[in-house]
Amino acid sequence: MRLAVFLLLLLNALLFAYARLDSASVSESGRLASQVSPESIKLLTPQQVAALGLDKGPAVPHAPTPVPALPQAPAVPTGQGAAQSQSGTSAATPTDVCVEWGPFSDADRAKAQAELGPLKLGHQLSQHPIAVTDAWWVSLGPLPTRAAADRRVTELRAQAIDDLSVVDAGNGQFAVSLGIFRTQSAAAARVQALAAQGIADAVAAPSARPITQTMLVLRNPSPGVAAKLGELQGRYAGSEIKSGSCPS
């Protein structure tokens, strides 16, 4: 058994040595020739390459879809531009609209405000004085004393005549004022209304001095409120309605 094992080992060693010597005897060119089969290589013409589509370059990846630009916020003004934007109204900013109605004497103003009361306008309604230089004055007189003028006022109030006051007419005389009006036609309408009530001595004349009356101002009135103003205007002779941007 020992001899048999020794012989097998010897044969294996001899076989390994033979294989190593055989591989060492083959050159590098010989190994290449055994690996490559030259007869299997075929060269193609340019036309054949074009037909196969192999002359095209590598596929170019699709360009990414452009992302839409977001709208930029408006630039915040600085310095002088900021001061101007704060003190003035931007062209893109809507301006409040104000409607003015008048002018009114004190008595007519109180009546007009009372008629606007049910609309509950609150802070929308304001007023401002206006100087009237071309007014017309309706009056009675002159009367010789202040007491006589006061008695006449009492009589007129008993007849439901409003907008009354006693005015010093100069030279120790007094008159009873029955209203100041912007136009001659409005003053004439007042004289005619008084005549219909039995007061025939009322006269209309240009006012000798500027007077102060009141304009009622409504800020951003609704269409319903604007329609109501148009309805009420006809009850106040000489009153006008005009609209425009609100004062700052």
C-alpha atoms as a PDB file:
ATOM      1  CA  MET A   1       0.000   0.000   0.000  1.00  0.00           C
ATOM      2  CA  ARG A   2       2.827   2.359   0.831  1.00  0.00           C
ATOM      3  CA  LEU A   3       4.478   1.661  -2.486  1.00  0.00           C
ATOM      4  CA  ALA A   4       1.231   2.281  -4.383  1.00  0.00           C
ATOM      5  CA  VAL A   5       0.625   5.600  -2.660  1.00  0.00           C
ATOM      6  CA  PHE A   6       4.210   6.717  -3.339  1.00  0.00           C
ATOM      7  CA  LEU A   7       3.841   5.851  -7.033  1.00  0.00           C
ATOM      8  CA  LEU A   8       0.618   7.847  -7.342  1.00  0.00           C
ATOM      9  CA  LEU A   9       2.214  10.888  -5.773  1.00  0.00           C
ATOM     10  CA  LEU A  10       5.193  10.575  -8.074  1.00  0.00           C
ATOM     11  CA  LEU A  11       2.973  10.346 -11.151  1.00  0.00           C
ATOM     12  CA  ASN A  12       1.030  13.465 -10.114  1.00  0.00           C
ATOM     13  CA  ALA A  13       4.255  15.418  -9.625  1.00  0.00           C
ATOM     14  CA  LEU A  14       5.552  14.347 -13.020  1.00  0.00           C
ATOM     15  CA  LEU A  15       2.241  15.335 -14.685  1.00  0.00           C
ATOM     16  CA  PHE A  16       2.285  18.758 -13.059  1.00  0.00           C
ATOM     17  CA  ALA A  17       5.916  19.367 -14.121  1.00  0.00           C
ATOM     18  CA  TYR A  18       5.095  18.353 -17.685  1.00  0.00           C
ATOM     19  CA  ALA A  19       2.179  20.777 -17.881  1.00  0.00           C
ATOM     20  CA  ARG A  20       4.277  23.654 -16.598  1.00  0.00           C
ATOM     21  CA  LEU A  21       7.085  22.944 -19.057  1.00  0.00           C
ATOM     22  CA  ASP A  22       4.595  22.734 -21.945  1.00  0.00           C
ATOM     23  CA  SER A  23       3.008  26.083 -21.151  1.00  0.00           C
ATOM     24  CA  ALA A  24       6.414  27.722 -20.783  1.00  0.00           C
ATOM     25  CA  SER A  25       7.458  26.521 -24.210  1.00  0.00           C
ATOM     26  CA  VAL A  26       4.537  28.355 -25.936  1.00  0.00           C
ATOM     27  CA  SER A  27       5.242  32.064 -26.844  1.00  0.00           C
ATOM     28  CA  GLU A  28       2.909  35.041 -26.240  1.00  0.00           C
ATOM     29  CA  SER A  29       2.004  35.202 -29.950  1.00  0.00           C
ATOM     30  CA  GLY A  30       1.147  31.548 -29.877  1.00  0.00           C
ATOM     31  CA  ARG A  31      -1.259  32.051 -26.995  1.00  0.00           C
ATOM     32  CA  LEU A  32      -2.927  34.997 -28.800  1.00  0.00           C
ATOM     33  CA  ALA A  33      -3.278  32.975 -31.988  1.00  0.00           C
ATOM     34  CA  SER A  34      -4.961  30.229 -30.009  1.00  0.00           C
ATOM     35  CA  GLN A  35      -7.412  32.715 -28.403  1.00  0.00           C
ATOM     36  CA  VAL A  36      -8.453  34.864 -31.470  1.00  0.00           C
ATOM     37  CA  SER A  37      -9.911  33.433 -34.682  1.00  0.00           C
ATOM     38  CA  PRO A  38      -8.870  35.850 -37.423  1.00  0.00           C
ATOM     39  CA  GLU A  39     -11.165  34.226 -39.973  1.00  0.00           C
ATOM     40  CA  SER A  40     -14.230  35.174 -37.897  1.00  0.00           C
ATOM     41  CA  ILE A  41     -13.482  38.943 -38.116  1.00  0.00           C
ATOM     42  CA  LYS A  42     -15.277  40.841 -40.952  1.00  0.00           C
ATOM     43  CA  LEU A  43     -14.646  44.485 -41.802  1.00  0.00           C
ATOM     44  CA  LEU A  44     -17.737  46.547 -42.793  1.00  0.00           C
ATOM     45  CA  THR A  45     -17.875  49.331 -45.374  1.00  0.00           C
ATOM     46  CA  PRO A  46     -19.134  52.830 -44.383  1.00  0.00           C
ATOM     47  CA  GLN A  47     -22.403  52.117 -46.258  1.00  0.00           C
ATOM     48  CA  GLN A  48     -22.986  48.969 -44.237  1.00  0.00           C
ATOM     49  CA  VAL A  49     -22.260  50.834 -41.004  1.00  0.00           C
ATOM     50  CA  ALA A  50     -24.784  53.584 -41.977  1.00  0.00           C
ATOM     51  CA  ALA A  51     -27.390  50.925 -42.794  1.00  0.00           C
ATOM     52  CA  LEU A  52     -26.965  49.428 -39.328  1.00  0.00           C
ATOM     53  CA  GLY A  53     -27.326  52.881 -37.684  1.00  0.00           C
ATOM     54  CA  LEU A  54     -24.092  52.407 -35.767  1.00  0.00           C
ATOM     55  CA  ASP A  55     -22.584  55.704 -36.914  1.00  0.00           C
ATOM     56  CA  LYS A  56     -24.993  57.750 -34.807  1.00  0.00           C
ATOM     57  CA  GLY A  57     -23.689  59.351 -31.695  1.00  0.00           C
ATOM     58  CA  PRO A  58     -24.902  58.441 -28.245  1.00  0.00           C
ATOM     59  CA  ALA A  59     -28.475  59.378 -27.492  1.00  0.00           C
ATOM     60  CA  VAL A  60     -28.751  62.836 -26.019  1.00  0.00           C
ATOM     61  CA  PRO A  61     -30.983  62.900 -22.940  1.00  0.00           C
ATOM     62  CA  HIS A  62     -34.093  65.047 -23.243  1.00  0.00           C
ATOM     63  CA  ALA A  63     -33.691  68.550 -21.945  1.00  0.00           C
ATOM     64  CA  PRO A  64     -35.554  69.038 -18.671  1.00  0.00           C
ATOM     65  CA  THR A  65     -38.886  70.748 -18.939  1.00  0.00           C
ATOM     66  CA  PRO A  66     -38.353  74.406 -18.014  1.00  0.00           C
ATOM     67  CA  VAL A  67     -39.989  75.403 -14.754  1.00  0.00           C
ATOM     68  CA  PRO A  68     -42.222  78.477 -15.191  1.00  0.00           C
ATOM     69  CA  ALA A  69     -40.838  81.470 -13.419  1.00  0.00           C
ATOM     70  CA  LEU A  70     -42.813  82.532 -10.357  1.00  0.00           C
ATOM     71  CA  PRO A  71     -44.117  86.121 -10.350  1.00  0.00           C
ATOM     72  CA  GLN A  72     -41.790  88.331  -8.457  1.00  0.00           C
ATOM     73  CA  ALA A  73     -43.100  90.392  -5.581  1.00  0.00           C
ATOM     74  CA  PRO A  74     -43.091  94.121  -6.273  1.00  0.00           C
ATOM     75  CA  ALA A  75     -39.985  95.820  -5.132  1.00  0.00           C
ATOM     76  CA  VAL A  76     -40.284  97.589  -1.816  1.00  0.00           C
ATOM     77  CA  PRO A  77     -39.426 101.257  -2.310  1.00  0.00           C
ATOM     78  CA  THR A  78     -36.729 102.677  -0.149  1.00  0.00           C
ATOM     79  CA  GLY A  79     -35.632 106.154   0.719  1.00  0.00           C
ATOM     80  CA  GLN A  80     -37.429 108.898  -1.144  1.00  0.00           C
ATOM     81  CA  GLY A  81     -39.524 106.414  -3.141  1.00  0.00           C
ATOM     82  CA  ALA A  82     -40.862 104.883   0.073  1.00  0.00           C
ATOM     83  CA  ALA A  83     -41.813 108.285   1.417  1.00  0.00           C
ATOM     84  CA  GLN A  84     -43.646 109.106  -1.788  1.00  0.00           C
ATOM     85  CA  SER A  85     -45.519 105.789  -1.798  1.00  0.00           C
ATOM     86  CA  GLN A  86     -46.604 106.302   1.802  1.00  0.00           C
ATOM     87  CA  SER A  87     -47.707 109.901   1.382  1.00  0.00           C
ATOM     88  CA  GLY A  88     -49.423 109.470  -2.006  1.00  0.00           C
ATOM     89  CA  THR A  89     -51.909 107.001  -3.441  1.00  0.00           C
ATOM     90  CA  SER A  90     -50.566 104.375  -5.806  1.00  0.00           C
ATOM     91  CA  ALA A  91     -52.022 104.312  -9.304  1.00  0.00           C
ATOM     92  CA  ALA A  92     -53.048 100.693  -8.760  1.00  0.00           C
ATOM     93  CA  THR A  93     -54.785 101.410  -5.487  1.00  0.00           C
ATOM     94  CA  PRO A  94     -58.469 102.101  -5.797  1.00  0.00           C
ATOM     95  CA  THR A  95     -59.508 105.561  -4.506  1.00  0.00           C
ATOM     96  CA  ASP A  96     -62.530 106.046  -2.239  1.00  0.00           C
ATOM     97  CA  VAL A  97     -65.436 107.817  -3.902  1.00  0.00           C
ATOM     98  CA  CYS A  98     -67.299 110.531  -2.035  1.00  0.00           C
ATOM     99  CA  VAL A  99     -70.687 111.990  -2.962  1.00  0.00           C
ATOM    100  CA  GLU A 100     -71.459 115.537  -1.794  1.00  0.00           C
ATOM    101  CA  TRP A 101     -74.996 116.837  -1.413  1.00  0.00           C
ATOM    102  CA  GLY A 102     -75.901 120.433  -0.663  1.00  0.00           C
ATOM    103  CA  PRO A 103     -75.308 123.135   0.264  1.00  0.00           C
ATOM    104  CA  PHE A 104     -77.801 123.388   3.114  1.00  0.00           C
ATOM    105  CA  SER A 105     -78.856 125.999   5.562  1.00  0.00           C
ATOM    106  CA  ASP A 106     -78.881 124.869   9.178  1.00  0.00           C
ATOM    107  CA  ALA A 107     -82.584 124.022   9.045  1.00  0.00           C
ATOM    108  CA  ASP A 108     -82.370 122.089   5.768  1.00  0.00           C
ATOM    109  CA  ARG A 109     -79.236 120.263   6.926  1.00  0.00           C
ATOM    110  CA  ALA A 110     -81.062 119.003  10.020  1.00  0.00           C
ATOM    111  CA  LYS A 111     -83.994 117.850   7.880  1.00  0.00           C
ATOM    112  CA  ALA A 112     -81.750 116.108   5.331  1.00  0.00           C
ATOM    113  CA  GLN A 113     -79.814 114.299   8.053  1.00  0.00           C
ATOM    114  CA  ALA A 114     -83.085 113.142   9.618  1.00  0.00           C
ATOM    115  CA  GLU A 115     -84.244 111.744   6.271  1.00  0.00           C
ATOM    116  CA  LEU A 116     -80.929 109.896   5.868  1.00  0.00           C
ATOM    117  CA  GLY A 117     -81.179 108.462   9.389  1.00  0.00           C
ATOM    118  CA  PRO A 118     -83.007 105.217   8.432  1.00  0.00           C
ATOM    119  CA  LEU A 119     -80.116 104.322   6.096  1.00  0.00           C
ATOM    120  CA  LYS A 120     -77.828 103.935   9.158  1.00  0.00           C
ATOM    121  CA  LEU A 121     -74.811 105.406   7.361  1.00  0.00           C
ATOM    122  CA  GLY A 122     -72.734 105.829  10.525  1.00  0.00           C
ATOM    123  CA  HIS A 123     -69.184 106.986   9.784  1.00  0.00           C
ATOM    124  CA  GLN A 124     -69.928 107.038   6.043  1.00  0.00           C
ATOM    125  CA  LEU A 125     -71.789 110.320   6.542  1.00  0.00           C
ATOM    126  CA  SER A 126     -69.897 113.515   7.368  1.00  0.00           C
ATOM    127  CA  GLN A 127     -70.245 117.210   6.647  1.00  0.00           C
ATOM    128  CA  HIS A 128     -68.100 120.225   5.926  1.00  0.00           C
ATOM    129  CA  PRO A 129     -68.803 123.960   5.641  1.00  0.00           C
ATOM    130  CA  ILE A 130     -68.715 125.783   2.343  1.00  0.00           C
ATOM    131  CA  ALA A 131     -68.570 129.512   1.655  1.00  0.00           C
ATOM    132  CA  VAL A 132     -71.313 130.661  -0.712  1.00  0.00           C
ATOM    133  CA  THR A 133     -70.657 134.002  -2.424  1.00  0.00           C
ATOM    134  CA  ASP A 134     -73.394 134.087  -5.062  1.00  0.00           C
ATOM    135  CA  ALA A 135     -76.353 133.149  -2.860  1.00  0.00           C
ATOM    136  CA  TRP A 136     -79.899 134.453  -2.899  1.00  0.00           C
ATOM    137  CA  TRP A 137     -81.668 135.499   0.284  1.00  0.00           C
ATOM    138  CA  VAL A 138     -85.418 135.233   0.966  1.00  0.00           C
ATOM    139  CA  SER A 139     -86.629 137.546   3.728  1.00  0.00           C
ATOM    140  CA  LEU A 140     -89.442 139.604   5.263  1.00  0.00           C
ATOM    141  CA  GLY A 141     -89.008 143.179   6.354  1.00  0.00           C
ATOM    142  CA  PRO A 142     -87.462 145.384   7.305  1.00  0.00           C
ATOM    143  CA  LEU A 143     -89.145 145.648  10.714  1.00  0.00           C
ATOM    144  CA  PRO A 144     -88.559 148.634  13.016  1.00  0.00           C
ATOM    145  CA  THR A 145     -87.574 146.716  16.174  1.00  0.00           C
ATOM    146  CA  ARG A 146     -86.132 143.406  17.247  1.00  0.00           C
ATOM    147  CA  ALA A 147     -89.300 142.682  19.215  1.00  0.00           C
ATOM    148  CA  ALA A 148     -91.419 143.105  16.081  1.00  0.00           C
ATOM    149  CA  ALA A 149     -89.139 140.696  14.210  1.00  0.00           C
ATOM    150  CA  ASP A 150     -89.371 138.135  17.031  1.00  0.00           C
ATOM    151  CA  ARG A 151     -93.206 138.340  16.985  1.00  0.00           C
ATOM    152  CA  ARG A 152     -93.205 137.775  13.230  1.00  0.00           C
ATOM    153  CA  VAL A 153     -91.026 134.697  13.647  1.00  0.00           C
ATOM    154  CA  THR A 154     -93.446 133.317  16.241  1.00  0.00           C
ATOM    155  CA  GLU A 155     -96.398 133.833  13.859  1.00  0.00           C
ATOM    156  CA  LEU A 156     -94.575 132.093  10.996  1.00  0.00           C
ATOM    157  CA  ARG A 157     -93.649 129.098  13.138  1.00  0.00           C
ATOM    158  CA  ALA A 158     -97.295 128.742  14.085  1.00  0.00           C
ATOM    159  CA  GLN A 159     -97.944 128.336  10.329  1.00  0.00           C
ATOM    160  CA  ALA A 160     -95.338 125.520  10.158  1.00  0.00           C
ATOM    161  CA  ILE A 161     -92.757 127.701   8.382  1.00  0.00           C
ATOM    162  CA  ASP A 162     -89.207 126.598   9.078  1.00  0.00           C
ATOM    163  CA  ASP A 163     -85.686 127.945   8.418  1.00  0.00           C
ATOM    164  CA  LEU A 164     -86.419 131.180  10.272  1.00  0.00           C
ATOM    165  CA  SER A 165     -84.063 133.614  11.958  1.00  0.00           C
ATOM    166  CA  VAL A 166     -83.897 137.306  12.879  1.00  0.00           C
ATOM    167  CA  VAL A 167     -81.219 139.321  11.055  1.00  0.00           C
ATOM    168  CA  ASP A 168     -79.934 142.831  11.786  1.00  0.00           C
ATOM    169  CA  ALA A 169     -80.692 144.805   8.598  1.00  0.00           C
ATOM    170  CA  GLY A 170     -78.773 147.920   9.713  1.00  0.00           C
ATOM    171  CA  ASN A 171     -79.981 151.408  10.521  1.00  0.00           C
ATOM    172  CA  GLY A 172     -81.733 150.040  13.589  1.00  0.00           C
ATOM    173  CA  GLN A 173     -83.982 147.786  11.576  1.00  0.00           C
ATOM    174  CA  PHE A 174     -84.377 144.000  11.513  1.00  0.00           C
ATOM    175  CA  ALA A 175     -85.482 141.406   8.995  1.00  0.00           C
ATOM    176  CA  VAL A 176     -86.791 137.852   9.176  1.00  0.00           C
ATOM    177  CA  SER A 177     -84.660 135.451   7.136  1.00  0.00           C
ATOM    178  CA  LEU A 178     -86.524 132.649   5.360  1.00  0.00           C
ATOM    179  CA  GLY A 179     -83.538 130.879   3.853  1.00  0.00           C
ATOM    180  CA  ILE A 180     -80.403 131.253   1.742  1.00  0.00           C
ATOM    181  CA  PHE A 181     -80.306 129.594  -1.680  1.00  0.00           C
ATOM    182  CA  ARG A 182     -77.591 128.915  -4.229  1.00  0.00           C
ATOM    183  CA  THR A 183     -79.629 129.930  -7.275  1.00  0.00           C
ATOM    184  CA  GLN A 184     -82.212 132.549  -8.114  1.00  0.00           C
ATOM    185  CA  SER A 185     -84.655 129.879  -9.267  1.00  0.00           C
ATOM    186  CA  ALA A 186     -84.442 128.101  -5.911  1.00  0.00           C
ATOM    187  CA  ALA A 187     -85.100 131.377  -4.073  1.00  0.00           C
ATOM    188  CA  ALA A 188     -88.047 132.135  -6.365  1.00  0.00           C
ATOM    189  CA  ALA A 189     -89.483 128.682  -5.651  1.00  0.00           C
ATOM    190  CA  ARG A 190     -89.285 129.439  -1.916  1.00  0.00           C
ATOM    191  CA  VAL A 191     -91.136 132.753  -2.407  1.00  0.00           C
ATOM    192  CA  GLN A 192     -93.871 130.979  -4.381  1.00  0.00           C
ATOM    193  CA  ALA A 193     -94.257 128.283  -1.728  1.00  0.00           C
ATOM    194  CA  LEU A 194     -94.592 130.944   0.981  1.00  0.00           C
ATOM    195  CA  ALA A 195     -97.196 132.799  -1.089  1.00  0.00           C
ATOM    196  CA  ALA A 196     -99.205 129.593  -1.356  1.00  0.00           C
ATOM    197  CA  GLN A 197     -99.238 129.499   2.451  1.00  0.00           C
ATOM    198  CA  GLY A 198    -100.561 133.056   2.678  1.00  0.00           C
ATOM    199  CA  ILE A 199     -97.256 134.886   3.177  1.00  0.00           C
ATOM    200  CA  ALA A 200     -97.228 137.391   0.346  1.00  0.00           C
ATOM    201  CA  ASP A 201     -94.589 139.848   1.581  1.00  0.00           C
ATOM    202  CA  ALA A 202     -91.552 137.560   1.205  1.00  0.00           C
ATOM    203  CA  VAL A 203     -88.959 138.767  -1.313  1.00  0.00           C
ATOM    204  CA  ALA A 204     -85.830 137.230  -2.887  1.00  0.00           C
ATOM    205  CA  ALA A 205     -82.657 139.256  -3.454  1.00  0.00           C
ATOM    206  CA  PRO A 206     -78.928 138.573  -3.951  1.00  0.00           C
ATOM    207  CA  SER A 207     -77.115 138.159  -0.675  1.00  0.00           C
ATOM    208  CA  ALA A 208     -74.974 141.202   0.121  1.00  0.00           C
ATOM    209  CA  ARG A 209     -72.306 139.161   1.906  1.00  0.00           C
ATOM    210  CA  PRO A 210     -70.827 135.640   1.724  1.00  0.00           C
ATOM    211  CA  ILE A 211     -72.569 133.057   3.831  1.00  0.00           C
ATOM    212  CA  THR A 212     -71.516 129.690   5.209  1.00  0.00           C
ATOM    213  CA  GLN A 213     -73.613 126.632   4.458  1.00  0.00           C
ATOM    214  CA  THR A 214     -73.065 122.894   4.874  1.00  0.00           C
ATOM    215  CA  MET A 215     -72.329 120.060   2.454  1.00  0.00           C
ATOM    216  CA  LEU A 216     -73.227 116.492   3.440  1.00  0.00           C
ATOM    217  CA  VAL A 217     -70.571 113.975   2.353  1.00  0.00           C
ATOM    218  CA  LEU A 218     -71.132 110.226   1.877  1.00  0.00           C
ATOM    219  CA  ARG A 219     -68.096 107.987   1.474  1.00  0.00           C
ATOM    220  CA  ASN A 220     -68.457 105.019  -0.905  1.00  0.00           C
ATOM    221  CA  PRO A 221     -72.287 105.015  -0.954  1.00  0.00           C
ATOM    222  CA  SER A 222     -74.004 101.856  -2.175  1.00  0.00           C
ATOM    223  CA  PRO A 223     -76.199 102.048  -5.298  1.00  0.00           C
ATOM    224  CA  GLY A 224     -79.257 102.017  -3.059  1.00  0.00           C
ATOM    225  CA  VAL A 225     -78.006 104.968  -1.021  1.00  0.00           C
ATOM    226  CA  ALA A 226     -77.084 106.882  -4.182  1.00  0.00           C
ATOM    227  CA  ALA A 227     -80.607 106.309  -5.529  1.00  0.00           C
ATOM    228  CA  LYS A 228     -82.078 107.575  -2.263  1.00  0.00           C
ATOM    229  CA  LEU A 229     -80.009 110.759  -2.527  1.00  0.00           C
ATOM    230  CA  GLY A 230     -81.349 111.387  -6.022  1.00  0.00           C
ATOM    231  CA  GLU A 231     -84.858 110.976  -4.684  1.00  0.00           C
ATOM    232  CA  LEU A 232     -84.319 113.385  -1.786  1.00  0.00           C
ATOM    233  CA  GLN A 233     -82.592 116.059  -3.853  1.00  0.00           C
ATOM    234  CA  GLY A 234     -85.871 117.168  -5.418  1.00  0.00           C
ATOM    235  CA  ARG A 235     -87.203 118.113  -1.980  1.00  0.00           C
ATOM    236  CA  TYR A 236     -84.436 120.670  -1.385  1.00  0.00           C
ATOM    237  CA  ALA A 237     -84.479 123.462  -3.932  1.00  0.00           C
ATOM    238  CA  GLY A 238     -81.010 124.564  -5.035  1.00  0.00           C
ATOM    239  CA  SER A 239     -79.235 121.490  -3.652  1.00  0.00           C
ATOM    240  CA  GLU A 240     -76.784 119.667  -5.915  1.00  0.00           C
ATOM    241  CA  ILE A 241     -75.220 116.221  -5.932  1.00  0.00           C
ATOM    242  CA  LYS A 242     -71.673 115.706  -7.192  1.00  0.00           C
ATOM    243  CA  SER A 243     -69.164 112.907  -6.795  1.00  0.00           C
ATOM    244  CA  GLY A 244     -65.386 112.672  -6.863  1.00  0.00           C
ATOM    245  CA  SER A 245     -62.397 111.288  -5.001  1.00  0.00           C
ATOM    246  CA  CYS A 246     -62.515 111.670  -1.253  1.00  0.00           C
ATOM    247  CA  PRO A 247     -60.279 114.305   0.339  1.00  0.00           C
ATOM    248  CA  SER A 248     -57.233 112.936   2.126  1.00  0.00           C
END
